[in-house]
Amino acid sequence: MTSTPVPTQPCRRLERLQRREQHRPIPASIQKRNGLVLQHLGLAHHAANRQLPRGGGEYDDLCQEACLGLVKSLDRFEPSRGHQVSSYAMPKATGQILHYRRDRLHTLRIPWRIKEYRV
């Protein structure tokens, strides 16, 4: 006869926190940004596809880094300047992938200042 274990106090507390977090209102600015991210998610996939043949990293990792760059770029995007979102976000997504490769891809991390001296 097996019985299901009774949840301990920390598990109940975690469940309460998760329920509270689900019902927390999201600010309008973040909702707007999330909508823009979903609209322009193809840019992140395009940046990852362009960087994939250049070596280093799996597609999922590159795509995740590109999405991070997309979110950062949409936080700083100013539509009043008259530029398109894609013109601003694509270099940021690509740059985030390049930073990922430079900083976190190798087993032994070589500082970027030393990498510049290698020929």
PDB file of N, CA and C in Angstrom:
ATOM      1  N   MET A   1       0.823  -1.175   0.000  1.00  0.00           N
ATOM      2  CA  MET A   1       0.000   0.000   0.000  1.00  0.00           C
ATOM      3  C   MET A   1       0.872   1.244   0.000  1.00  0.00           C
ATOM      4  N   THR A   2       0.786   1.978  -1.043  1.00  0.00           N
ATOM      5  CA  THR A   2       1.561   3.212  -1.093  1.00  0.00           C
ATOM      6  C   THR A   2       0.627   4.391  -0.953  1.00  0.00           C
ATOM      7  N   SER A   3       1.094   5.342  -0.276  1.00  0.00           N
ATOM      8  CA  SER A   3       0.305   6.564  -0.117  1.00  0.00           C
ATOM      9  C   SER A   3       1.103   7.727  -0.680  1.00  0.00           C
ATOM     10  N   THR A   4       0.400   8.703  -1.129  1.00  0.00           N
ATOM     11  CA  THR A   4       1.083   9.873  -1.670  1.00  0.00           C
ATOM     12  C   THR A   4       1.620  10.704  -0.523  1.00  0.00           C
ATOM     13  N   PRO A   5       2.818  11.209  -0.683  1.00  0.00           N
ATOM     14  CA  PRO A   5       3.385  12.013   0.402  1.00  0.00           C
ATOM     15  C   PRO A   5       2.625  13.331   0.553  1.00  0.00           C
ATOM     16  N   VAL A   6       2.501  13.741   1.783  1.00  0.00           N
ATOM     17  CA  VAL A   6       1.837  15.006   2.084  1.00  0.00           C
ATOM     18  C   VAL A   6       2.823  16.135   1.799  1.00  0.00           C
ATOM     19  N   PRO A   7       2.401  17.164   1.050  1.00  0.00           N
ATOM     20  CA  PRO A   7       3.331  18.260   0.756  1.00  0.00           C
ATOM     21  C   PRO A   7       3.814  18.930   2.034  1.00  0.00           C
ATOM     22  N   THR A   8       5.069  19.224   2.034  1.00  0.00           N
ATOM     23  CA  THR A   8       5.640  19.883   3.200  1.00  0.00           C
ATOM     24  C   THR A   8       5.335  21.372   3.145  1.00  0.00           C
ATOM     25  N   GLN A   9       5.655  22.047   4.197  1.00  0.00           N
ATOM     26  CA  GLN A   9       5.370  23.479   4.300  1.00  0.00           C
ATOM     27  C   GLN A   9       6.050  24.298   3.199  1.00  0.00           C
ATOM     28  N   PRO A  10       7.340  24.067   2.864  1.00  0.00           N
ATOM     29  CA  PRO A  10       7.951  24.857   1.786  1.00  0.00           C
ATOM     30  C   PRO A  10       7.265  24.655   0.439  1.00  0.00           C
ATOM     31  N   CYS A  11       6.767  23.428   0.163  1.00  0.00           N
ATOM     32  CA  CYS A  11       6.068  23.186  -1.101  1.00  0.00           C
ATOM     33  C   CYS A  11       4.774  23.985  -1.165  1.00  0.00           C
ATOM     34  N   ARG A  12       4.042  24.023  -0.082  1.00  0.00           N
ATOM     35  CA  ARG A  12       2.801  24.803  -0.056  1.00  0.00           C
ATOM     36  C   ARG A  12       3.091  26.283  -0.239  1.00  0.00           C
ATOM     37  N   ARG A  13       4.152  26.730   0.394  1.00  0.00           N
ATOM     38  CA  ARG A  13       4.518  28.145   0.268  1.00  0.00           C
ATOM     39  C   ARG A  13       4.883  28.480  -1.177  1.00  0.00           C
ATOM     40  N   LEU A  14       5.620  27.583  -1.821  1.00  0.00           N
ATOM     41  CA  LEU A  14       5.991  27.786  -3.215  1.00  0.00           C
ATOM     42  C   LEU A  14       4.752  27.820  -4.109  1.00  0.00           C
ATOM     43  N   GLU A  15       3.800  26.931  -3.856  1.00  0.00           N
ATOM     44  CA  GLU A  15       2.564  26.923  -4.640  1.00  0.00           C
ATOM     45  C   GLU A  15       1.798  28.228  -4.465  1.00  0.00           C
ATOM     46  N   ARG A  16       1.741  28.749  -3.248  1.00  0.00           N
ATOM     47  CA  ARG A  16       1.059  30.030  -3.008  1.00  0.00           C
ATOM     48  C   ARG A  16       1.744  31.158  -3.757  1.00  0.00           C
ATOM     49  N   LEU A  17       3.083  31.175  -3.722  1.00  0.00           N
ATOM     50  CA  LEU A  17       3.823  32.216  -4.431  1.00  0.00           C
ATOM     51  C   LEU A  17       3.605  32.126  -5.940  1.00  0.00           C
ATOM     52  N   GLN A  18       3.561  30.917  -6.472  1.00  0.00           N
ATOM     53  CA  GLN A  18       3.332  30.755  -7.906  1.00  0.00           C
ATOM     54  C   GLN A  18       1.940  31.224  -8.301  1.00  0.00           C
ATOM     55  N   ARG A  19       0.929  30.901  -7.493  1.00  0.00           N
ATOM     56  CA  ARG A  19      -0.427  31.363  -7.794  1.00  0.00           C
ATOM     57  C   ARG A  19      -0.519  32.877  -7.736  1.00  0.00           C
ATOM     58  N   ARG A  20       0.131  33.473  -6.741  1.00  0.00           N
ATOM     59  CA  ARG A  20       0.108  34.928  -6.610  1.00  0.00           C
ATOM     60  C   ARG A  20       0.800  35.586  -7.803  1.00  0.00           C
ATOM     61  N   GLU A  21       1.885  34.991  -8.262  1.00  0.00           N
ATOM     62  CA  GLU A  21       2.627  35.538  -9.397  1.00  0.00           C
ATOM     63  C   GLU A  21       1.802  35.466 -10.679  1.00  0.00           C
ATOM     64  N   GLN A  22       0.996  34.422 -10.827  1.00  0.00           N
ATOM     65  CA  GLN A  22       0.166  34.296 -12.019  1.00  0.00           C
ATOM     66  C   GLN A  22      -0.913  35.369 -12.078  1.00  0.00           C
ATOM     67  N   HIS A  23      -1.378  35.835 -10.946  1.00  0.00           N
ATOM     68  CA  HIS A  23      -2.450  36.828 -10.913  1.00  0.00           C
ATOM     69  C   HIS A  23      -1.945  38.259 -10.795  1.00  0.00           C
ATOM     70  N   ARG A  24      -0.639  38.435 -10.756  1.00  0.00           N
ATOM     71  CA  ARG A  24      -0.061  39.766 -10.632  1.00  0.00           C
ATOM     72  C   ARG A  24      -0.246  40.521 -11.947  1.00  0.00           C
ATOM     73  N   PRO A  25      -0.695  41.765 -11.885  1.00  0.00           N
ATOM     74  CA  PRO A  25      -0.880  42.523 -13.131  1.00  0.00           C
ATOM     75  C   PRO A  25       0.464  42.891 -13.763  1.00  0.00           C
ATOM     76  N   ILE A  26       0.510  42.814 -15.082  1.00  0.00           N
ATOM     77  CA  ILE A  26       1.719  43.156 -15.830  1.00  0.00           C
ATOM     78  C   ILE A  26       1.574  44.597 -16.304  1.00  0.00           C
ATOM     79  N   PRO A  27       2.591  45.435 -16.091  1.00  0.00           N
ATOM     80  CA  PRO A  27       2.504  46.832 -16.533  1.00  0.00           C
ATOM     81  C   PRO A  27       2.278  46.935 -18.044  1.00  0.00           C
ATOM     82  N   ALA A  28       1.611  48.002 -18.457  1.00  0.00           N
ATOM     83  CA  ALA A  28       1.258  48.192 -19.867  1.00  0.00           C
ATOM     84  C   ALA A  28       2.496  48.296 -20.751  1.00  0.00           C
ATOM     85  N   SER A  29       3.563  48.915 -20.248  1.00  0.00           N
ATOM     86  CA  SER A  29       4.774  49.059 -21.064  1.00  0.00           C
ATOM     87  C   SER A  29       5.403  47.696 -21.368  1.00  0.00           C
ATOM     88  N   ILE A  30       5.376  46.794 -20.399  1.00  0.00           N
ATOM     89  CA  ILE A  30       5.938  45.462 -20.612  1.00  0.00           C
ATOM     90  C   ILE A  30       5.038  44.652 -21.542  1.00  0.00           C
ATOM     91  N   GLN A  31       3.713  44.821 -21.422  1.00  0.00           N
ATOM     92  CA  GLN A  31       2.803  44.140 -22.339  1.00  0.00           C
ATOM     93  C   GLN A  31       3.032  44.607 -23.773  1.00  0.00           C
ATOM     94  N   LYS A  32       3.253  45.902 -23.948  1.00  0.00           N
ATOM     95  CA  LYS A  32       3.510  46.441 -25.284  1.00  0.00           C
ATOM     96  C   LYS A  32       4.820  45.881 -25.837  1.00  0.00           C
ATOM     97  N   ARG A  33       5.858  45.857 -24.994  1.00  0.00           N
ATOM     98  CA  ARG A  33       7.143  45.309 -25.419  1.00  0.00           C
ATOM     99  C   ARG A  33       7.022  43.837 -25.784  1.00  0.00           C
ATOM    100  N   ASN A  34       6.294  43.065 -24.972  1.00  0.00           N
ATOM    101  CA  ASN A  34       6.119  41.642 -25.260  1.00  0.00           C
ATOM    102  C   ASN A  34       5.398  41.426 -26.587  1.00  0.00           C
ATOM    103  N   GLY A  35       4.428  42.289 -26.884  1.00  0.00           N
ATOM    104  CA  GLY A  35       3.743  42.201 -28.172  1.00  0.00           C
ATOM    105  C   GLY A  35       4.684  42.472 -29.328  1.00  0.00           C
ATOM    106  N   LEU A  36       5.552  43.474 -29.166  1.00  0.00           N
ATOM    107  CA  LEU A  36       6.537  43.773 -30.211  1.00  0.00           C
ATOM    108  C   LEU A  36       7.531  42.627 -30.382  1.00  0.00           C
ATOM    109  N   VAL A  37       7.927  42.018 -29.275  1.00  0.00           N
ATOM    110  CA  VAL A  37       8.864  40.893 -29.352  1.00  0.00           C
ATOM    111  C   VAL A  37       8.230  39.748 -30.132  1.00  0.00           C
ATOM    112  N   LEU A  38       6.969  39.448 -29.845  1.00  0.00           N
ATOM    113  CA  LEU A  38       6.300  38.366 -30.560  1.00  0.00           C
ATOM    114  C   LEU A  38       6.134  38.687 -32.042  1.00  0.00           C
ATOM    115  N   GLN A  39       5.886  39.957 -32.362  1.00  0.00           N
ATOM    116  CA  GLN A  39       5.752  40.353 -33.763  1.00  0.00           C
ATOM    117  C   GLN A  39       7.060  40.194 -34.526  1.00  0.00           C
ATOM    118  N   HIS A  40       8.171  40.491 -33.878  1.00  0.00           N
ATOM    119  CA  HIS A  40       9.472  40.516 -34.547  1.00  0.00           C
ATOM    120  C   HIS A  40      10.357  39.336 -34.160  1.00  0.00           C
ATOM    121  N   LEU A  41       9.754  38.255 -33.712  1.00  0.00           N
ATOM    122  CA  LEU A  41      10.521  37.075 -33.320  1.00  0.00           C
ATOM    123  C   LEU A  41      11.254  36.455 -34.505  1.00  0.00           C
ATOM    124  N   GLY A  42      10.742  36.665 -35.687  1.00  0.00           N
ATOM    125  CA  GLY A  42      11.406  36.153 -36.881  1.00  0.00           C
ATOM    126  C   GLY A  42      12.790  36.744 -37.080  1.00  0.00           C
ATOM    127  N   LEU A  43      13.000  37.974 -36.607  1.00  0.00           N
ATOM    128  CA  LEU A  43      14.327  38.595 -36.703  1.00  0.00           C
ATOM    129  C   LEU A  43      15.358  37.802 -35.905  1.00  0.00           C
ATOM    130  N   ALA A  44      14.952  37.322 -34.738  1.00  0.00           N
ATOM    131  CA  ALA A  44      15.875  36.539 -33.910  1.00  0.00           C
ATOM    132  C   ALA A  44      16.228  35.228 -34.605  1.00  0.00           C
ATOM    133  N   HIS A  45      15.233  34.578 -35.200  1.00  0.00           N
ATOM    134  CA  HIS A  45      15.510  33.331 -35.915  1.00  0.00           C
ATOM    135  C   HIS A  45      16.395  33.595 -37.130  1.00  0.00           C
ATOM    136  N   HIS A  46      16.157  34.697 -37.808  1.00  0.00           N
ATOM    137  CA  HIS A  46      16.976  35.047 -38.971  1.00  0.00           C
ATOM    138  C   HIS A  46      18.430  35.303 -38.557  1.00  0.00           C
ATOM    139  N   ALA A  47      18.618  36.024 -37.456  1.00  0.00           N
ATOM    140  CA  ALA A  47      19.978  36.296 -36.972  1.00  0.00           C
ATOM    141  C   ALA A  47      20.678  34.998 -36.578  1.00  0.00           C
ATOM    142  N   ALA A  48      19.948  34.090 -35.925  1.00  0.00           N
ATOM    143  CA  ALA A  48      20.541  32.809 -35.527  1.00  0.00           C
ATOM    144  C   ALA A  48      20.897  31.971 -36.755  1.00  0.00           C
ATOM    145  N   ASN A  49      20.027  31.969 -37.757  1.00  0.00           N
ATOM    146  CA  ASN A  49      20.316  31.211 -38.983  1.00  0.00           C
ATOM    147  C   ASN A  49      21.521  31.768 -39.719  1.00  0.00           C
ATOM    148  N   ARG A  50      21.686  33.078 -39.711  1.00  0.00           N
ATOM    149  CA  ARG A  50      22.830  33.685 -40.387  1.00  0.00           C
ATOM    150  C   ARG A  50      24.135  33.388 -39.665  1.00  0.00           C
ATOM    151  N   GLN A  51      24.099  33.268 -38.345  1.00  0.00           N
ATOM    152  CA  GLN A  51      25.315  33.039 -37.574  1.00  0.00           C
ATOM    153  C   GLN A  51      25.649  31.560 -37.411  1.00  0.00           C
ATOM    154  N   LEU A  52      24.701  30.675 -37.668  1.00  0.00           N
ATOM    155  CA  LEU A  52      24.915  29.242 -37.466  1.00  0.00           C
ATOM    156  C   LEU A  52      26.046  28.678 -38.321  1.00  0.00           C
ATOM    157  N   PRO A  53      26.145  28.998 -39.621  1.00  0.00           N
ATOM    158  CA  PRO A  53      27.243  28.421 -40.416  1.00  0.00           C
ATOM    159  C   PRO A  53      28.622  28.942 -40.032  1.00  0.00           C
ATOM    160  N   ARG A  54      28.681  30.018 -39.306  1.00  0.00           N
ATOM    161  CA  ARG A  54      29.972  30.605 -38.945  1.00  0.00           C
ATOM    162  C   ARG A  54      30.627  29.880 -37.782  1.00  0.00           C
ATOM    163  N   GLY A  55      29.980  28.832 -37.291  1.00  0.00           N
ATOM    164  CA  GLY A  55      30.592  27.962 -36.287  1.00  0.00           C
ATOM    165  C   GLY A  55      30.360  28.409 -34.864  1.00  0.00           C
ATOM    166  N   GLY A  56      30.289  27.429 -33.997  1.00  0.00           N
ATOM    167  CA  GLY A  56      30.195  27.695 -32.573  1.00  0.00           C
ATOM    168  C   GLY A  56      28.778  27.860 -32.086  1.00  0.00           C
ATOM    169  N   GLY A  57      28.348  26.931 -31.265  1.00  0.00           N
ATOM    170  CA  GLY A  57      27.042  27.025 -30.644  1.00  0.00           C
ATOM    171  C   GLY A  57      25.966  26.279 -31.405  1.00  0.00           C
ATOM    172  N   GLU A  58      24.965  25.839 -30.666  1.00  0.00           N
ATOM    173  CA  GLU A  58      23.823  25.172 -31.267  1.00  0.00           C
ATOM    174  C   GLU A  58      22.784  26.211 -31.652  1.00  0.00           C
ATOM    175  N   TYR A  59      21.879  25.806 -32.525  1.00  0.00           N
ATOM    176  CA  TYR A  59      20.871  26.737 -33.023  1.00  0.00           C
ATOM    177  C   TYR A  59      20.007  27.279 -31.889  1.00  0.00           C
ATOM    178  N   ASP A  60      19.603  26.411 -30.961  1.00  0.00           N
ATOM    179  CA  ASP A  60      18.741  26.854 -29.865  1.00  0.00           C
ATOM    180  C   ASP A  60      19.427  27.906 -29.001  1.00  0.00           C
ATOM    181  N   ASP A  61      20.707  27.703 -28.730  1.00  0.00           N
ATOM    182  CA  ASP A  61      21.450  28.675 -27.926  1.00  0.00           C
ATOM    183  C   ASP A  61      21.583  30.007 -28.658  1.00  0.00           C
ATOM    184  N   LEU A  62      21.888  29.930 -29.947  1.00  0.00           N
ATOM    185  CA  LEU A  62      22.027  31.159 -30.731  1.00  0.00           C
ATOM    186  C   LEU A  62      20.697  31.894 -30.824  1.00  0.00           C
ATOM    187  N   CYS A  63      19.618  31.146 -30.989  1.00  0.00           N
ATOM    188  CA  CYS A  63      18.295  31.755 -31.083  1.00  0.00           C
ATOM    189  C   CYS A  63      17.905  32.412 -29.753  1.00  0.00           C
ATOM    190  N   GLN A  64      18.234  31.765 -28.658  1.00  0.00           N
ATOM    191  CA  GLN A  64      17.929  32.336 -27.348  1.00  0.00           C
ATOM    192  C   GLN A  64      18.706  33.631 -27.122  1.00  0.00           C
ATOM    193  N   GLU A  65      19.958  33.644 -27.503  1.00  0.00           N
ATOM    194  CA  GLU A  65      20.756  34.861 -27.365  1.00  0.00           C
ATOM    195  C   GLU A  65      20.227  35.963 -28.278  1.00  0.00           C
ATOM    196  N   ALA A  66      19.804  35.590 -29.480  1.00  0.00           N
ATOM    197  CA  ALA A  66      19.239  36.582 -30.397  1.00  0.00           C
ATOM    198  C   ALA A  66      17.942  37.155 -29.831  1.00  0.00           C
ATOM    199  N   CYS A  67      17.137  36.319 -29.190  1.00  0.00           N
ATOM    200  CA  CYS A  67      15.901  36.803 -28.559  1.00  0.00           C
ATOM    201  C   CYS A  67      16.221  37.758 -27.417  1.00  0.00           C
ATOM    202  N   LEU A  68      17.261  37.463 -26.678  1.00  0.00           N
ATOM    203  CA  LEU A  68      17.684  38.365 -25.608  1.00  0.00           C
ATOM    204  C   LEU A  68      18.111  39.713 -26.178  1.00  0.00           C
ATOM    205  N   GLY A  69      18.865  39.687 -27.275  1.00  0.00           N
ATOM    206  CA  GLY A  69      19.250  40.927 -27.940  1.00  0.00           C
ATOM    207  C   GLY A  69      18.049  41.677 -28.477  1.00  0.00           C
ATOM    208  N   LEU A  70      17.042  40.944 -28.970  1.00  0.00           N
ATOM    209  CA  LEU A  70      15.822  41.567 -29.474  1.00  0.00           C
ATOM    210  C   LEU A  70      15.066  42.267 -28.354  1.00  0.00           C
ATOM    211  N   VAL A  71      14.951  41.615 -27.205  1.00  0.00           N
ATOM    212  CA  VAL A  71      14.257  42.224 -26.063  1.00  0.00           C
ATOM    213  C   VAL A  71      14.988  43.484 -25.608  1.00  0.00           C
ATOM    214  N   LYS A  72      16.316  43.408 -25.518  1.00  0.00           N
ATOM    215  CA  LYS A  72      17.094  44.580 -25.102  1.00  0.00           C
ATOM    216  C   LYS A  72      16.942  45.723 -26.094  1.00  0.00           C
ATOM    217  N   SER A  73      16.925  45.390 -27.383  1.00  0.00           N
ATOM    218  CA  SER A  73      16.816  46.447 -28.390  1.00  0.00           C
ATOM    219  C   SER A  73      15.430  47.082 -28.371  1.00  0.00           C
ATOM    220  N   LEU A  74      14.387  46.287 -28.122  1.00  0.00           N
ATOM    221  CA  LEU A  74      13.042  46.854 -28.082  1.00  0.00           C
ATOM    222  C   LEU A  74      12.822  47.692 -26.830  1.00  0.00           C
ATOM    223  N   ASP A  75      13.576  47.413 -25.770  1.00  0.00           N
ATOM    224  CA  ASP A  75      13.506  48.268 -24.584  1.00  0.00           C
ATOM    225  C   ASP A  75      14.049  49.662 -24.885  1.00  0.00           C
ATOM    226  N   ARG A  76      15.047  49.743 -25.757  1.00  0.00           N
ATOM    227  CA  ARG A  76      15.704  51.019 -26.044  1.00  0.00           C
ATOM    228  C   ARG A  76      15.248  51.663 -27.349  1.00  0.00           C
ATOM    229  N   PHE A  77      14.360  51.011 -28.080  1.00  0.00           N
ATOM    230  CA  PHE A  77      13.921  51.515 -29.379  1.00  0.00           C
ATOM    231  C   PHE A  77      13.059  52.764 -29.205  1.00  0.00           C
ATOM    232  N   GLU A  78      13.338  53.769 -30.016  1.00  0.00           N
ATOM    233  CA  GLU A  78      12.570  55.015 -29.998  1.00  0.00           C
ATOM    234  C   GLU A  78      11.931  55.214 -31.373  1.00  0.00           C
ATOM    235  N   PRO A  79      10.617  54.964 -31.489  1.00  0.00           N
ATOM    236  CA  PRO A  79       9.972  55.107 -32.795  1.00  0.00           C
ATOM    237  C   PRO A  79       9.921  56.552 -33.279  1.00  0.00           C
ATOM    238  N   SER A  80      10.097  57.500 -32.378  1.00  0.00           N
ATOM    239  CA  SER A  80      10.039  58.912 -32.772  1.00  0.00           C
ATOM    240  C   SER A  80      11.205  59.307 -33.677  1.00  0.00           C
ATOM    241  N   ARG A  81      12.249  58.500 -33.729  1.00  0.00           N
ATOM    242  CA  ARG A  81      13.398  58.813 -34.585  1.00  0.00           C
ATOM    243  C   ARG A  81      13.167  58.441 -36.043  1.00  0.00           C
ATOM    244  N   GLY A  82      12.086  57.741 -36.321  1.00  0.00           N
ATOM    245  CA  GLY A  82      11.729  57.434 -37.696  1.00  0.00           C
ATOM    246  C   GLY A  82      12.382  56.207 -38.292  1.00  0.00           C
ATOM    247  N   HIS A  83      13.013  55.369 -37.478  1.00  0.00           N
ATOM    248  CA  HIS A  83      13.652  54.156 -37.986  1.00  0.00           C
ATOM    249  C   HIS A  83      12.702  52.973 -37.838  1.00  0.00           C
ATOM    250  N   GLN A  84      12.948  51.949 -38.640  1.00  0.00           N
ATOM    251  CA  GLN A  84      12.172  50.723 -38.516  1.00  0.00           C
ATOM    252  C   GLN A  84      12.742  49.875 -37.383  1.00  0.00           C
ATOM    253  N   VAL A  85      11.876  49.055 -36.814  1.00  0.00           N
ATOM    254  CA  VAL A  85      12.310  48.186 -35.716  1.00  0.00           C
ATOM    255  C   VAL A  85      13.387  47.220 -36.202  1.00  0.00           C
ATOM    256  N   SER A  86      13.201  46.677 -37.394  1.00  0.00           N
ATOM    257  CA  SER A  86      14.157  45.682 -37.893  1.00  0.00           C
ATOM    258  C   SER A  86      15.540  46.285 -38.110  1.00  0.00           C
ATOM    259  N   SER A  87      15.593  47.548 -38.526  1.00  0.00           N
ATOM    260  CA  SER A  87      16.889  48.198 -38.748  1.00  0.00           C
ATOM    261  C   SER A  87      17.652  48.384 -37.447  1.00  0.00           C
ATOM    262  N   TYR A  88      16.932  48.545 -36.362  1.00  0.00           N
ATOM    263  CA  TYR A  88      17.566  48.753 -35.067  1.00  0.00           C
ATOM    264  C   TYR A  88      17.843  47.427 -34.356  1.00  0.00           C
ATOM    265  N   ALA A  89      16.911  46.477 -34.486  1.00  0.00           N
ATOM    266  CA  ALA A  89      16.993  45.255 -33.687  1.00  0.00           C
ATOM    267  C   ALA A  89      17.940  44.206 -34.267  1.00  0.00           C
ATOM    268  N   MET A  90      18.061  44.155 -35.581  1.00  0.00           N
ATOM    269  CA  MET A  90      18.881  43.100 -36.194  1.00  0.00           C
ATOM    270  C   MET A  90      20.355  43.186 -35.777  1.00  0.00           C
ATOM    271  N   PRO A  91      20.998  44.357 -35.827  1.00  0.00           N
ATOM    272  CA  PRO A  91      22.395  44.414 -35.352  1.00  0.00           C
ATOM    273  C   PRO A  91      22.539  44.086 -33.868  1.00  0.00           C
ATOM    274  N   LYS A  92      21.538  44.446 -33.068  1.00  0.00           N
ATOM    275  CA  LYS A  92      21.606  44.134 -31.638  1.00  0.00           C
ATOM    276  C   LYS A  92      21.515  42.627 -31.398  1.00  0.00           C
ATOM    277  N   ALA A  93      20.628  41.954 -32.139  1.00  0.00           N
ATOM    278  CA  ALA A  93      20.492  40.503 -31.987  1.00  0.00           C
ATOM    279  C   ALA A  93      21.765  39.797 -32.441  1.00  0.00           C
ATOM    280  N   THR A  94      22.319  40.242 -33.563  1.00  0.00           N
ATOM    281  CA  THR A  94      23.564  39.652 -34.060  1.00  0.00           C
ATOM    282  C   THR A  94      24.710  39.913 -33.086  1.00  0.00           C
ATOM    283  N   GLY A  95      24.768  41.114 -32.553  1.00  0.00           N
ATOM    284  CA  GLY A  95      25.811  41.455 -31.585  1.00  0.00           C
ATOM    285  C   GLY A  95      25.718  40.623 -30.323  1.00  0.00           C
ATOM    286  N   GLN A  96      24.496  40.337 -29.882  1.00  0.00           N
ATOM    287  CA  GLN A  96      24.320  39.507 -28.690  1.00  0.00           C
ATOM    288  C   GLN A  96      24.844  38.094 -28.941  1.00  0.00           C
ATOM    289  N   ILE A  97      24.633  37.583 -30.145  1.00  0.00           N
ATOM    290  CA  ILE A  97      25.163  36.260 -30.491  1.00  0.00           C
ATOM    291  C   ILE A  97      26.688  36.286 -30.482  1.00  0.00           C
ATOM    292  N   LEU A  98      27.270  37.333 -31.044  1.00  0.00           N
ATOM    293  CA  LEU A  98      28.731  37.433 -31.078  1.00  0.00           C
ATOM    294  C   LEU A  98      29.313  37.546 -29.669  1.00  0.00           C
ATOM    295  N   HIS A  99      28.642  38.287 -28.787  1.00  0.00           N
ATOM    296  CA  HIS A  99      29.090  38.374 -27.394  1.00  0.00           C
ATOM    297  C   HIS A  99      28.995  37.008 -26.713  1.00  0.00           C
ATOM    298  N   TYR A 100      27.938  36.271 -27.016  1.00  0.00           N
ATOM    299  CA  TYR A 100      27.786  34.924 -26.456  1.00  0.00           C
ATOM    300  C   TYR A 100      28.947  34.034 -26.880  1.00  0.00           C
ATOM    301  N   ARG A 101      29.270  34.083 -28.152  1.00  0.00           N
ATOM    302  CA  ARG A 101      30.378  33.260 -28.642  1.00  0.00           C
ATOM    303  C   ARG A 101      31.694  33.662 -28.001  1.00  0.00           C
ATOM    304  N   ARG A 102      31.905  34.942 -27.890  1.00  0.00           N
ATOM    305  CA  ARG A 102      33.175  35.422 -27.356  1.00  0.00           C
ATOM    306  C   ARG A 102      33.326  35.078 -25.878  1.00  0.00           C
ATOM    307  N   ASP A 103      32.258  35.235 -25.115  1.00  0.00           N
ATOM    308  CA  ASP A 103      32.375  35.144 -23.658  1.00  0.00           C
ATOM    309  C   ASP A 103      32.081  33.766 -23.081  1.00  0.00           C
ATOM    310  N   ARG A 104      31.134  33.025 -23.638  1.00  0.00           N
ATOM    311  CA  ARG A 104      30.666  31.831 -22.948  1.00  0.00           C
ATOM    312  C   ARG A 104      30.784  30.535 -23.723  1.00  0.00           C
ATOM    313  N   LEU A 105      31.316  30.563 -24.898  1.00  0.00           N
ATOM    314  CA  LEU A 105      31.302  29.348 -25.699  1.00  0.00           C
ATOM    315  C   LEU A 105      32.486  28.434 -25.419  1.00  0.00           C
ATOM    316  N   HIS A 106      33.618  28.970 -25.098  1.00  0.00           N
ATOM    317  CA  HIS A 106      34.817  28.167 -24.910  1.00  0.00           C
ATOM    318  C   HIS A 106      34.886  27.613 -23.494  1.00  0.00           C
ATOM    319  N   THR A 107      35.508  26.451 -23.362  1.00  0.00           N
ATOM    320  CA  THR A 107      35.656  25.833 -22.050  1.00  0.00           C
ATOM    321  C   THR A 107      36.558  26.682 -21.162  1.00  0.00           C
ATOM    322  N   LEU A 108      37.684  27.088 -21.709  1.00  0.00           N
ATOM    323  CA  LEU A 108      38.572  27.993 -20.993  1.00  0.00           C
ATOM    324  C   LEU A 108      38.320  29.398 -21.513  1.00  0.00           C
ATOM    325  N   ARG A 109      37.953  30.278 -20.631  1.00  0.00           N
ATOM    326  CA  ARG A 109      37.637  31.631 -21.055  1.00  0.00           C
ATOM    327  C   ARG A 109      38.918  32.437 -21.158  1.00  0.00           C
ATOM    328  N   ILE A 110      39.178  32.934 -22.344  1.00  0.00           N
ATOM    329  CA  ILE A 110      40.326  33.800 -22.580  1.00  0.00           C
ATOM    330  C   ILE A 110      39.799  35.225 -22.628  1.00  0.00           C
ATOM    331  N   PRO A 111      40.338  36.137 -21.828  1.00  0.00           N
ATOM    332  CA  PRO A 111      39.854  37.513 -21.864  1.00  0.00           C
ATOM    333  C   PRO A 111      39.959  38.102 -23.268  1.00  0.00           C
ATOM    334  N   TRP A 112      38.984  38.931 -23.617  1.00  0.00           N
ATOM    335  CA  TRP A 112      38.935  39.457 -24.979  1.00  0.00           C
ATOM    336  C   TRP A 112      40.134  40.330 -25.291  1.00  0.00           C
ATOM    337  N   ARG A 113      40.747  40.944 -24.280  1.00  0.00           N
ATOM    338  CA  ARG A 113      41.924  41.781 -24.538  1.00  0.00           C
ATOM    339  C   ARG A 113      43.098  40.937 -25.036  1.00  0.00           C
ATOM    340  N   ILE A 114      43.218  39.729 -24.478  1.00  0.00           N
ATOM    341  CA  ILE A 114      44.292  38.834 -24.900  1.00  0.00           C
ATOM    342  C   ILE A 114      43.986  38.257 -26.280  1.00  0.00           C
ATOM    343  N   LYS A 115      42.718  37.988 -26.571  1.00  0.00           N
ATOM    344  CA  LYS A 115      42.344  37.450 -27.874  1.00  0.00           C
ATOM    345  C   LYS A 115      42.724  38.405 -28.996  1.00  0.00           C
ATOM    346  N   GLU A 116      42.682  39.706 -28.720  1.00  0.00           N
ATOM    347  CA  GLU A 116      43.024  40.688 -29.744  1.00  0.00           C
ATOM    348  C   GLU A 116      44.494  40.591 -30.137  1.00  0.00           C
ATOM    349  N   TYR A 117      45.351  40.162 -29.216  1.00  0.00           N
ATOM    350  CA  TYR A 117      46.783  40.090 -29.499  1.00  0.00           C
ATOM    351  C   TYR A 117      47.169  38.827 -30.254  1.00  0.00           C
ATOM    352  N   ARG A 118      46.298  37.814 -30.223  1.00  0.00           N
ATOM    353  CA  ARG A 118      46.595  36.580 -30.951  1.00  0.00           C
ATOM    354  C   ARG A 118      46.457  36.819 -32.439  1.00  0.00           C
ATOM    355  N   VAL A 119      47.400  36.315 -33.198  1.00  0.00           N
ATOM    356  CA  VAL A 119      47.361  36.500 -34.655  1.00  0.00           C
ATOM    357  C   VAL A 119      47.229  35.183 -35.354  1.00  0.00           C
TER     358      VAL A 119
END
